[in-house]
PDB file of N, CA and C in Angstrom:
ATOM      1  N   MET A   1       6.334   1.103  44.463  1.00  0.00           N
ATOM      2  CA  MET A   1       5.256   0.157  42.961  1.00  0.00           C
ATOM      3  C   MET A   1       6.138   1.288  41.901  1.00  0.00           C
ATOM      4  N   LEU A   2       5.940   0.580  40.675  1.00  0.00           N
ATOM      5  CA  LEU A   2       6.605   1.338  39.402  1.00  0.00           C
ATOM      6  C   LEU A   2       5.422   1.731  38.955  1.00  0.00           C
ATOM      7  N   GLU A   3       5.646   3.294  38.637  1.00  0.00           N
ATOM      8  CA  GLU A   3       4.273   3.796  37.822  1.00  0.00           C
ATOM      9  C   GLU A   3       4.857   3.646  36.249  1.00  0.00           C
ATOM     10  N   LEU A   4       3.631   3.116  35.315  1.00  0.00           N
ATOM     11  CA  LEU A   4       3.867   3.198  34.118  1.00  0.00           C
ATOM     12  C   LEU A   4       4.385   4.349  33.506  1.00  0.00           C
ATOM     13  N   GLU A   5       5.340   4.698  32.639  1.00  0.00           N
ATOM     14  CA  GLU A   5       5.633   6.097  32.219  1.00  0.00           C
ATOM     15  C   GLU A   5       5.410   5.781  30.674  1.00  0.00           C
ATOM     16  N   PRO A   6       5.413   7.186  29.786  1.00  0.00           N
ATOM     17  CA  PRO A   6       5.596   6.775  28.517  1.00  0.00           C
ATOM     18  C   PRO A   6       6.779   6.367  28.011  1.00  0.00           C
ATOM     19  N   ILE A   7       8.073   6.565  28.829  1.00  0.00           N
ATOM     20  CA  ILE A   7       9.642   5.580  28.174  1.00  0.00           C
ATOM     21  C   ILE A   7       9.087   4.071  28.333  1.00  0.00           C
ATOM     22  N   HIS A   8       8.484   3.776  29.264  1.00  0.00           N
ATOM     23  CA  HIS A   8       8.437   2.256  29.244  1.00  0.00           C
ATOM     24  C   HIS A   8       7.502   1.793  28.115  1.00  0.00           C
ATOM     25  N   ILE A   9       6.846   2.444  27.495  1.00  0.00           N
ATOM     26  CA  ILE A   9       6.132   1.851  26.833  1.00  0.00           C
ATOM     27  C   ILE A   9       6.599   2.248  25.140  1.00  0.00           C
ATOM     28  N   GLN A  10       7.550   3.294  25.188  1.00  0.00           N
ATOM     29  CA  GLN A  10       8.245   3.436  24.233  1.00  0.00           C
ATOM     30  C   GLN A  10       9.092   2.797  23.857  1.00  0.00           C
ATOM     31  N   ASN A  11      10.103   2.259  25.078  1.00  0.00           N
ATOM     32  CA  ASN A  11      10.669   0.802  24.815  1.00  0.00           C
ATOM     33  C   ASN A  11      10.586  -0.223  24.909  1.00  0.00           C
ATOM     34  N   PHE A  12       9.249  -0.393  25.130  1.00  0.00           N
ATOM     35  CA  PHE A  12       8.440  -1.812  24.834  1.00  0.00           C
ATOM     36  C   PHE A  12       8.599  -2.052  23.336  1.00  0.00           C
ATOM     37  N   TYR A  13       7.971  -0.784  22.550  1.00  0.00           N
ATOM     38  CA  TYR A  13       7.680  -0.574  21.244  1.00  0.00           C
ATOM     39  C   TYR A  13       9.120  -0.831  20.397  1.00  0.00           C
ATOM     40  N   ASP A  14      10.298  -0.324  21.052  1.00  0.00           N
ATOM     41  CA  ASP A  14      11.479  -0.597  20.264  1.00  0.00           C
ATOM     42  C   ASP A  14      11.778  -1.802  20.447  1.00  0.00           C
ATOM     43  N   ILE A  15      11.691  -2.691  21.469  1.00  0.00           N
ATOM     44  CA  ILE A  15      12.448  -3.667  21.266  1.00  0.00           C
ATOM     45  C   ILE A  15      11.171  -4.525  20.432  1.00  0.00           C
ATOM     46  N   LEU A  16      10.321  -4.485  20.387  1.00  0.00           N
ATOM     47  CA  LEU A  16       9.477  -5.227  19.271  1.00  0.00           C
ATOM     48  C   LEU A  16       9.586  -4.966  18.055  1.00  0.00           C
ATOM     49  N   LEU A  17      10.240  -3.883  17.799  1.00  0.00           N
ATOM     50  CA  LEU A  17      10.659  -3.693  16.602  1.00  0.00           C
ATOM     51  C   LEU A  17      11.944  -4.083  16.275  1.00  0.00           C
ATOM     52  N   ALA A  18      12.999  -3.906  17.092  1.00  0.00           N
ATOM     53  CA  ALA A  18      14.073  -4.799  17.178  1.00  0.00           C
ATOM     54  C   ALA A  18      14.370  -6.171  17.261  1.00  0.00           C
ATOM     55  N   ASP A  19      13.288  -6.837  17.613  1.00  0.00           N
ATOM     56  CA  ASP A  19      12.922  -8.403  17.326  1.00  0.00           C
ATOM     57  C   ASP A  19      12.335  -8.853  16.179  1.00  0.00           C
ATOM     58  N   GLY A  20      12.168  -7.580  15.322  1.00  0.00           N
ATOM     59  CA  GLY A  20      11.879  -8.045  13.898  1.00  0.00           C
ATOM     60  C   GLY A  20      10.074  -7.923  13.850  1.00  0.00           C
ATOM     61  N   LEU A  21       9.334  -7.296  14.620  1.00  0.00           N
ATOM     62  CA  LEU A  21       7.937  -7.384  14.385  1.00  0.00           C
ATOM     63  C   LEU A  21       7.800  -6.029  13.025  1.00  0.00           C
ATOM     64  N   LYS A  22       7.091  -6.551  12.552  1.00  0.00           N
ATOM     65  CA  LYS A  22       6.183  -5.433  11.400  1.00  0.00           C
ATOM     66  C   LYS A  22       5.879  -4.198  12.387  1.00  0.00           C
ATOM     67  N   PRO A  23       6.013  -2.643  11.763  1.00  0.00           N
ATOM     68  CA  PRO A  23       5.443  -1.778  12.481  1.00  0.00           C
ATOM     69  C   PRO A  23       3.757  -1.912  12.458  1.00  0.00           C
ATOM     70  N   THR A  24       3.170  -2.237  11.465  1.00  0.00           N
ATOM     71  CA  THR A  24       1.830  -2.622  11.478  1.00  0.00           C
ATOM     72  C   THR A  24       1.568  -3.173  12.517  1.00  0.00           C
ATOM     73  N   THR A  25       2.357  -4.308  13.087  1.00  0.00           N
ATOM     74  CA  THR A  25       1.829  -5.100  14.310  1.00  0.00           C
ATOM     75  C   THR A  25       1.762  -4.323  15.439  1.00  0.00           C
ATOM     76  N   VAL A  26       3.224  -3.819  15.632  1.00  0.00           N
ATOM     77  CA  VAL A  26       3.675  -2.869  16.873  1.00  0.00           C
ATOM     78  C   VAL A  26       2.094  -1.893  17.167  1.00  0.00           C
ATOM     79  N   ILE A  27       1.750  -1.055  15.584  1.00  0.00           N
ATOM     80  CA  ILE A  27       0.715  -0.336  15.826  1.00  0.00           C
ATOM     81  C   ILE A  27      -0.762  -0.628  16.271  1.00  0.00           C
ATOM     82  N   ARG A  28      -0.620  -1.828  16.276  1.00  0.00           N
ATOM     83  CA  ARG A  28      -2.384  -2.567  16.974  1.00  0.00           C
ATOM     84  C   ARG A  28      -1.636  -2.792  18.595  1.00  0.00           C
ATOM     85  N   TYR A  29      -0.742  -3.068  18.418  1.00  0.00           N
ATOM     86  CA  TYR A  29      -0.164  -3.194  19.880  1.00  0.00           C
ATOM     87  C   TYR A  29      -0.580  -1.572  20.722  1.00  0.00           C
ATOM     88  N   HIS A  30      -0.117  -0.682  19.712  1.00  0.00           N
ATOM     89  CA  HIS A  30       0.032   0.800  20.646  1.00  0.00           C
ATOM     90  C   HIS A  30      -1.743   0.984  20.850  1.00  0.00           C
ATOM     91  N   ALA A  31      -2.483   0.695  19.606  1.00  0.00           N
ATOM     92  CA  ALA A  31      -3.767   1.101  19.640  1.00  0.00           C
ATOM     93  C   ALA A  31      -4.874   0.133  21.261  1.00  0.00           C
ATOM     94  N   ILE A  32      -4.333  -1.286  21.398  1.00  0.00           N
ATOM     95  CA  ILE A  32      -4.781  -1.814  22.606  1.00  0.00           C
ATOM     96  C   ILE A  32      -4.195  -0.963  23.622  1.00  0.00           C
ATOM     97  N   ILE A  33      -3.005  -0.876  23.754  1.00  0.00           N
ATOM     98  CA  ILE A  33      -2.648  -0.414  24.995  1.00  0.00           C
ATOM     99  C   ILE A  33      -2.796   0.748  25.339  1.00  0.00           C
ATOM    100  N   ARG A  34      -3.646   1.970  24.390  1.00  0.00           N
ATOM    101  CA  ARG A  34      -3.804   2.905  24.503  1.00  0.00           C
ATOM    102  C   ARG A  34      -4.981   3.144  25.303  1.00  0.00           C
ATOM    103  N   LYS A  35      -6.342   2.078  24.162  1.00  0.00           N
ATOM    104  CA  LYS A  35      -7.120   1.962  24.361  1.00  0.00           C
ATOM    105  C   LYS A  35      -7.420   1.388  25.830  1.00  0.00           C
ATOM    106  N   SER A  36      -6.669   0.446  26.363  1.00  0.00           N
ATOM    107  CA  SER A  36      -6.876  -0.227  27.626  1.00  0.00           C
ATOM    108  C   SER A  36      -6.753   0.577  28.683  1.00  0.00           C
ATOM    109  N   LEU A  37      -5.450   1.877  28.662  1.00  0.00           N
ATOM    110  CA  LEU A  37      -5.187   2.622  29.594  1.00  0.00           C
ATOM    111  C   LEU A  37      -6.291   3.877  29.516  1.00  0.00           C
ATOM    112  N   ASP A  38      -6.680   4.239  28.411  1.00  0.00           N
ATOM    113  CA  ASP A  38      -7.744   5.009  28.640  1.00  0.00           C
ATOM    114  C   ASP A  38      -9.072   4.513  29.194  1.00  0.00           C
ATOM    115  N   TYR A  39      -9.821   3.312  29.331  1.00  0.00           N
ATOM    116  CA  TYR A  39     -10.269   3.165  29.813  1.00  0.00           C
ATOM    117  C   TYR A  39     -10.363   2.783  31.578  1.00  0.00           C
ATOM    118  N   ALA A  40      -8.749   2.575  31.858  1.00  0.00           N
ATOM    119  CA  ALA A  40      -8.593   2.744  33.230  1.00  0.00           C
ATOM    120  C   ALA A  40      -8.556   4.019  33.918  1.00  0.00           C
ATOM    121  N   PHE A  41      -7.662   5.353  32.644  1.00  0.00           N
ATOM    122  CA  PHE A  41      -7.780   6.839  33.118  1.00  0.00           C
ATOM    123  C   PHE A  41      -9.641   7.488  33.731  1.00  0.00           C
ATOM    124  N   LYS A  42     -10.395   6.744  32.715  1.00  0.00           N
ATOM    125  CA  LYS A  42     -11.974   7.551  32.663  1.00  0.00           C
ATOM    126  C   LYS A  42     -12.475   6.227  33.486  1.00  0.00           C
ATOM    127  N   ASN A  43     -11.908   5.623  34.636  1.00  0.00           N
ATOM    128  CA  ASN A  43     -12.722   4.664  35.496  1.00  0.00           C
ATOM    129  C   ASN A  43     -11.636   5.199  36.388  1.00  0.00           C
ATOM    130  N   ASP A  44     -11.028   6.211  36.324  1.00  0.00           N
ATOM    131  CA  ASP A  44     -10.559   6.580  37.650  1.00  0.00           C
ATOM    132  C   ASP A  44      -9.389   5.860  38.284  1.00  0.00           C
ATOM    133  N   LEU A  45      -8.900   4.622  37.605  1.00  0.00           N
ATOM    134  CA  LEU A  45      -7.930   3.623  37.809  1.00  0.00           C
ATOM    135  C   LEU A  45      -6.558   4.209  37.639  1.00  0.00           C
ATOM    136  N   ILE A  46      -6.517   5.190  37.051  1.00  0.00           N
ATOM    137  CA  ILE A  46      -4.767   5.947  36.816  1.00  0.00           C
ATOM    138  C   ILE A  46      -5.173   7.570  37.051  1.00  0.00           C
ATOM    139  N   VAL A  47      -4.260   7.906  36.988  1.00  0.00           N
ATOM    140  CA  VAL A  47      -4.551   9.636  37.072  1.00  0.00           C
ATOM    141  C   VAL A  47      -4.398  10.367  35.788  1.00  0.00           C
ATOM    142  N   ASN A  48      -3.870   9.698  34.851  1.00  0.00           N
ATOM    143  CA  ASN A  48      -3.518   9.717  33.109  1.00  0.00           C
ATOM    144  C   ASN A  48      -3.356   8.581  32.170  1.00  0.00           C
ATOM    145  N   ASN A  49      -3.132   9.034  31.148  1.00  0.00           N
ATOM    146  CA  ASN A  49      -2.791   7.782  29.799  1.00  0.00           C
ATOM    147  C   ASN A  49      -1.527   8.234  29.275  1.00  0.00           C
ATOM    148  N   PRO A  50      -0.152   7.464  29.848  1.00  0.00           N
ATOM    149  CA  PRO A  50       0.855   7.607  29.401  1.00  0.00           C
ATOM    150  C   PRO A  50       1.166   7.086  28.188  1.00  0.00           C
ATOM    151  N   ALA A  51       0.171   6.674  27.249  1.00  0.00           N
ATOM    152  CA  ALA A  51       0.166   6.223  25.801  1.00  0.00           C
ATOM    153  C   ALA A  51      -0.125   7.345  25.067  1.00  0.00           C
ATOM    154  N   ASP A  52      -0.999   8.018  25.617  1.00  0.00           N
ATOM    155  CA  ASP A  52      -0.971   9.481  24.904  1.00  0.00           C
ATOM    156  C   ASP A  52       0.307  10.081  25.098  1.00  0.00           C
ATOM    157  N   LYS A  53       0.944   9.809  25.222  1.00  0.00           N
ATOM    158  CA  LYS A  53       2.173  10.587  25.016  1.00  0.00           C
ATOM    159  C   LYS A  53       3.524  10.032  24.455  1.00  0.00           C
ATOM    160  N   VAL A  54       2.915   8.943  24.262  1.00  0.00           N
ATOM    161  CA  VAL A  54       3.743   8.242  23.325  1.00  0.00           C
ATOM    162  C   VAL A  54       3.430   8.181  21.716  1.00  0.00           C
ATOM    163  N   LYS A  55       4.579   8.759  20.764  1.00  0.00           N
ATOM    164  CA  LYS A  55       4.010   8.744  19.061  1.00  0.00           C
ATOM    165  C   LYS A  55       3.787   6.898  18.578  1.00  0.00           C
ATOM    166  N   ARG A  56       2.767   7.037  17.843  1.00  0.00           N
ATOM    167  CA  ARG A  56       2.505   5.621  17.235  1.00  0.00           C
ATOM    168  C   ARG A  56       3.243   5.522  16.554  1.00  0.00           C
ATOM    169  N   PRO A  57       3.666   4.615  16.181  1.00  0.00           N
ATOM    170  CA  PRO A  57       4.977   3.794  15.462  1.00  0.00           C
ATOM    171  C   PRO A  57       4.489   4.133  14.033  1.00  0.00           C
ATOM    172  N   LYS A  58       5.224   4.328  13.161  1.00  0.00           N
ATOM    173  CA  LYS A  58       5.054   4.747  11.813  1.00  0.00           C
ATOM    174  C   LYS A  58       5.390   3.820  11.065  1.00  0.00           C
ATOM    175  N   LYS A  59       4.311   3.345   9.588  1.00  0.00           N
ATOM    176  CA  LYS A  59       4.540   2.176   8.920  1.00  0.00           C
ATOM    177  C   LYS A  59       5.182   2.418   7.969  1.00  0.00           C
ATOM    178  N   ASN A  60       5.917   0.890   7.732  1.00  0.00           N
ATOM    179  CA  ASN A  60       6.929   1.132   6.068  1.00  0.00           C
ATOM    180  C   ASN A  60       6.193   1.436   4.990  1.00  0.00           C
ATOM    181  N   ILE A  61       6.930   1.789   4.236  1.00  0.00           N
ATOM    182  CA  ILE A  61       6.546   2.790   2.930  1.00  0.00           C
ATOM    183  C   ILE A  61       7.109   1.814   2.099  1.00  0.00           C
ATOM    184  N   PHE A  62       5.614   0.962   1.241  1.00  0.00           N
ATOM    185  CA  PHE A  62       6.186  -0.230   0.234  1.00  0.00           C
ATOM    186  C   PHE A  62       6.603   0.958  -0.955  1.00  0.00           C
ATOM    187  N   VAL A  63       8.003   0.181  -1.081  1.00  0.00           N
ATOM    188  CA  VAL A  63       8.718   0.913  -2.439  1.00  0.00           C
ATOM    189  C   VAL A  63       8.784  -0.055  -3.704  1.00  0.00           C
ATOM    190  N   GLY A  64       7.865   0.049  -4.517  1.00  0.00           N
ATOM    191  CA  GLY A  64       8.118  -1.375  -5.551  1.00  0.00           C
ATOM    192  C   GLY A  64       9.419  -1.360  -6.368  1.00  0.00           C
ATOM    193  N   SER A  65       9.591  -1.888  -7.253  1.00  0.00           N
ATOM    194  CA  SER A  65      10.875  -2.302  -7.728  1.00  0.00           C
ATOM    195  C   SER A  65      10.151  -2.974  -9.371  1.00  0.00           C
ATOM    196  N   PHE A  66      11.109  -2.595 -10.233  1.00  0.00           N
ATOM    197  CA  PHE A  66      10.786  -3.554 -11.644  1.00  0.00           C
ATOM    198  C   PHE A  66      11.824  -3.905 -12.305  1.00  0.00           C
ATOM    199  N   TYR A  67      11.741  -5.028 -12.718  1.00  0.00           N
ATOM    200  CA  TYR A  67      12.480  -5.805 -13.859  1.00  0.00           C
ATOM    201  C   TYR A  67      13.276  -4.872 -14.876  1.00  0.00           C
ATOM    202  N   SER A  68      14.548  -4.852 -15.089  1.00  0.00           N
ATOM    203  CA  SER A  68      14.722  -4.084 -16.053  1.00  0.00           C
ATOM    204  C   SER A  68      14.696  -4.962 -17.765  1.00  0.00           C
ATOM    205  N   GLU A  69      14.673  -4.468 -18.737  1.00  0.00           N
ATOM    206  CA  GLU A  69      14.650  -4.826 -19.933  1.00  0.00           C
ATOM    207  C   GLU A  69      15.337  -6.309 -20.272  1.00  0.00           C
ATOM    208  N   ASN A  70      16.563  -6.102 -20.055  1.00  0.00           N
ATOM    209  CA  ASN A  70      17.544  -7.129 -19.561  1.00  0.00           C
ATOM    210  C   ASN A  70      17.147  -8.517 -18.896  1.00  0.00           C
ATOM    211  N   GLU A  71      16.487  -7.834 -17.345  1.00  0.00           N
ATOM    212  CA  GLU A  71      16.468  -8.944 -16.687  1.00  0.00           C
ATOM    213  C   GLU A  71      15.075  -9.537 -17.012  1.00  0.00           C
ATOM    214  N   LEU A  72      13.989  -9.046 -18.016  1.00  0.00           N
ATOM    215  CA  LEU A  72      12.699  -9.874 -18.180  1.00  0.00           C
ATOM    216  C   LEU A  72      13.301 -10.599 -19.326  1.00  0.00           C
ATOM    217  N   ASN A  73      14.312 -10.200 -20.652  1.00  0.00           N
ATOM    218  CA  ASN A  73      14.690 -10.933 -21.383  1.00  0.00           C
ATOM    219  C   ASN A  73      15.392 -12.243 -20.984  1.00  0.00           C
ATOM    220  N   THR A  74      16.111 -11.792 -20.252  1.00  0.00           N
ATOM    221  CA  THR A  74      16.805 -13.301 -19.268  1.00  0.00           C
ATOM    222  C   THR A  74      15.208 -14.501 -18.513  1.00  0.00           C
ATOM    223  N   LEU A  75      14.276 -13.801 -18.078  1.00  0.00           N
ATOM    224  CA  LEU A  75      13.320 -14.505 -17.419  1.00  0.00           C
ATOM    225  C   LEU A  75      12.520 -15.239 -18.685  1.00  0.00           C
ATOM    226  N   PHE A  76      12.650 -14.293 -19.689  1.00  0.00           N
ATOM    227  CA  PHE A  76      11.685 -15.011 -20.449  1.00  0.00           C
ATOM    228  C   PHE A  76      12.376 -16.424 -21.529  1.00  0.00           C
ATOM    229  N   GLU A  77      13.876 -15.985 -21.388  1.00  0.00           N
ATOM    230  CA  GLU A  77      14.642 -17.211 -22.239  1.00  0.00           C
ATOM    231  C   GLU A  77      14.623 -18.398 -21.094  1.00  0.00           C
ATOM    232  N   LYS A  78      14.645 -18.192 -19.853  1.00  0.00           N
ATOM    233  CA  LYS A  78      14.998 -18.952 -18.637  1.00  0.00           C
ATOM    234  C   LYS A  78      13.372 -19.630 -18.355  1.00  0.00           C
ATOM    235  N   SER A  79      11.949 -19.451 -18.641  1.00  0.00           N
ATOM    236  CA  SER A  79      11.012 -20.072 -18.608  1.00  0.00           C
ATOM    237  C   SER A  79      10.657 -20.284 -19.730  1.00  0.00           C
ATOM    238  N   LYS A  80      11.253 -20.350 -20.954  1.00  0.00           N
ATOM    239  CA  LYS A  80      10.647 -20.749 -21.743  1.00  0.00           C
ATOM    240  C   LYS A  80      10.241 -22.103 -22.167  1.00  0.00           C
ATOM    241  N   ASN A  81      10.509 -23.243 -21.418  1.00  0.00           N
ATOM    242  CA  ASN A  81       9.823 -24.579 -21.720  1.00  0.00           C
ATOM    243  C   ASN A  81       9.638 -24.700 -20.288  1.00  0.00           C
ATOM    244  N   ASP A  82       9.048 -23.900 -19.366  1.00  0.00           N
ATOM    245  CA  ASP A  82       8.363 -23.963 -18.159  1.00  0.00           C
ATOM    246  C   ASP A  82       6.709 -24.015 -18.841  1.00  0.00           C
ATOM    247  N   PRO A  83       5.588 -24.376 -17.789  1.00  0.00           N
ATOM    248  CA  PRO A  83       4.413 -24.549 -17.856  1.00  0.00           C
ATOM    249  C   PRO A  83       3.981 -23.003 -17.834  1.00  0.00           C
ATOM    250  N   LEU A  84       4.635 -22.178 -16.895  1.00  0.00           N
ATOM    251  CA  LEU A  84       4.525 -20.867 -16.735  1.00  0.00           C
ATOM    252  C   LEU A  84       4.423 -20.146 -17.348  1.00  0.00           C
ATOM    253  N   HIS A  85       5.342 -20.419 -18.443  1.00  0.00           N
ATOM    254  CA  HIS A  85       5.909 -19.538 -19.517  1.00  0.00           C
ATOM    255  C   HIS A  85       4.363 -18.204 -19.967  1.00  0.00           C
ATOM    256  N   LEU A  86       3.700 -18.690 -20.085  1.00  0.00           N
ATOM    257  CA  LEU A  86       2.529 -17.812 -20.867  1.00  0.00           C
ATOM    258  C   LEU A  86       1.951 -17.037 -19.434  1.00  0.00           C
ATOM    259  N   VAL A  87       1.834 -17.683 -17.984  1.00  0.00           N
ATOM    260  CA  VAL A  87       1.689 -16.630 -17.230  1.00  0.00           C
ATOM    261  C   VAL A  87       2.693 -15.506 -16.775  1.00  0.00           C
ATOM    262  N   ILE A  88       3.939 -15.970 -17.068  1.00  0.00           N
ATOM    263  CA  ILE A  88       5.127 -15.033 -17.221  1.00  0.00           C
ATOM    264  C   ILE A  88       4.998 -13.660 -18.067  1.00  0.00           C
ATOM    265  N   LEU A  89       4.633 -14.324 -19.099  1.00  0.00           N
ATOM    266  CA  LEU A  89       4.361 -13.406 -20.136  1.00  0.00           C
ATOM    267  C   LEU A  89       3.484 -12.205 -20.241  1.00  0.00           C
ATOM    268  N   LEU A  90       2.120 -12.919 -19.786  1.00  0.00           N
ATOM    269  CA  LEU A  90       1.610 -12.052 -19.879  1.00  0.00           C
ATOM    270  C   LEU A  90       1.068 -10.985 -18.439  1.00  0.00           C
ATOM    271  N   THR A  91       1.806 -11.850 -17.349  1.00  0.00           N
ATOM    272  CA  THR A  91       1.974 -11.249 -16.180  1.00  0.00           C
ATOM    273  C   THR A  91       3.223  -9.702 -16.009  1.00  0.00           C
ATOM    274  N   ALA A  92       3.967 -10.083 -16.970  1.00  0.00           N
ATOM    275  CA  ALA A  92       5.304  -9.203 -17.379  1.00  0.00           C
ATOM    276  C   ALA A  92       4.446  -8.072 -18.400  1.00  0.00           C
ATOM    277  N   PHE A  93       3.415  -7.942 -19.127  1.00  0.00           N
ATOM    278  CA  PHE A  93       2.805  -7.600 -20.294  1.00  0.00           C
ATOM    279  C   PHE A  93       1.932  -6.298 -19.353  1.00  0.00           C
ATOM    280  N   TYR A  94       1.200  -7.024 -18.611  1.00  0.00           N
ATOM    281  CA  TYR A  94       0.033  -6.075 -17.924  1.00  0.00           C
ATOM    282  C   TYR A  94       0.773  -5.398 -16.547  1.00  0.00           C
ATOM    283  N   GLY A  95       1.602  -5.699 -16.506  1.00  0.00           N
ATOM    284  CA  GLY A  95       2.662  -5.372 -15.108  1.00  0.00           C
ATOM    285  C   GLY A  95       2.867  -3.804 -15.893  1.00  0.00           C
ATOM    286  N   PHE A  96       3.398  -3.906 -17.104  1.00  0.00           N
ATOM    287  CA  PHE A  96       4.085  -2.434 -17.259  1.00  0.00           C
ATOM    288  C   PHE A  96       3.033  -2.060 -17.859  1.00  0.00           C
ATOM    289  N   LYS A  97       1.804  -2.652 -18.237  1.00  0.00           N
ATOM    290  CA  LYS A  97       0.508  -1.254 -18.964  1.00  0.00           C
ATOM    291  C   LYS A  97       0.023  -0.350 -17.558  1.00  0.00           C
ATOM    292  N   LYS A  98       0.118  -0.878 -16.089  1.00  0.00           N
ATOM    293  CA  LYS A  98      -0.100  -0.383 -14.916  1.00  0.00           C
ATOM    294  C   LYS A  98       1.101   0.431 -14.576  1.00  0.00           C
ATOM    295  N   LYS A  99       1.824   0.894 -15.260  1.00  0.00           N
ATOM    296  CA  LYS A  99       3.022   1.955 -14.828  1.00  0.00           C
ATOM    297  C   LYS A  99       2.217   3.418 -14.508  1.00  0.00           C
TER     298      LYS A  99
END
């Protein structure tokens, strides 16, 4: 019988991330796996919790970007006759206020 080891859990996380799952989703998987194995450990079904030895995946850090002045002017020019033009102007203005 194959024993579950930390490397098996880590490989599972690596596969999920490589398949395109977001780190936040893998973190949720980790919480469920860890809690389930902790329950099994506390009820003497397993001798240790291998998930305790696996690092929790790190979240992606959001890095915002801003339009340059030229990009904004292009956007304003192209949206001039669009019904959303005023919304675009207001969004650009208030977006700059929050820097």
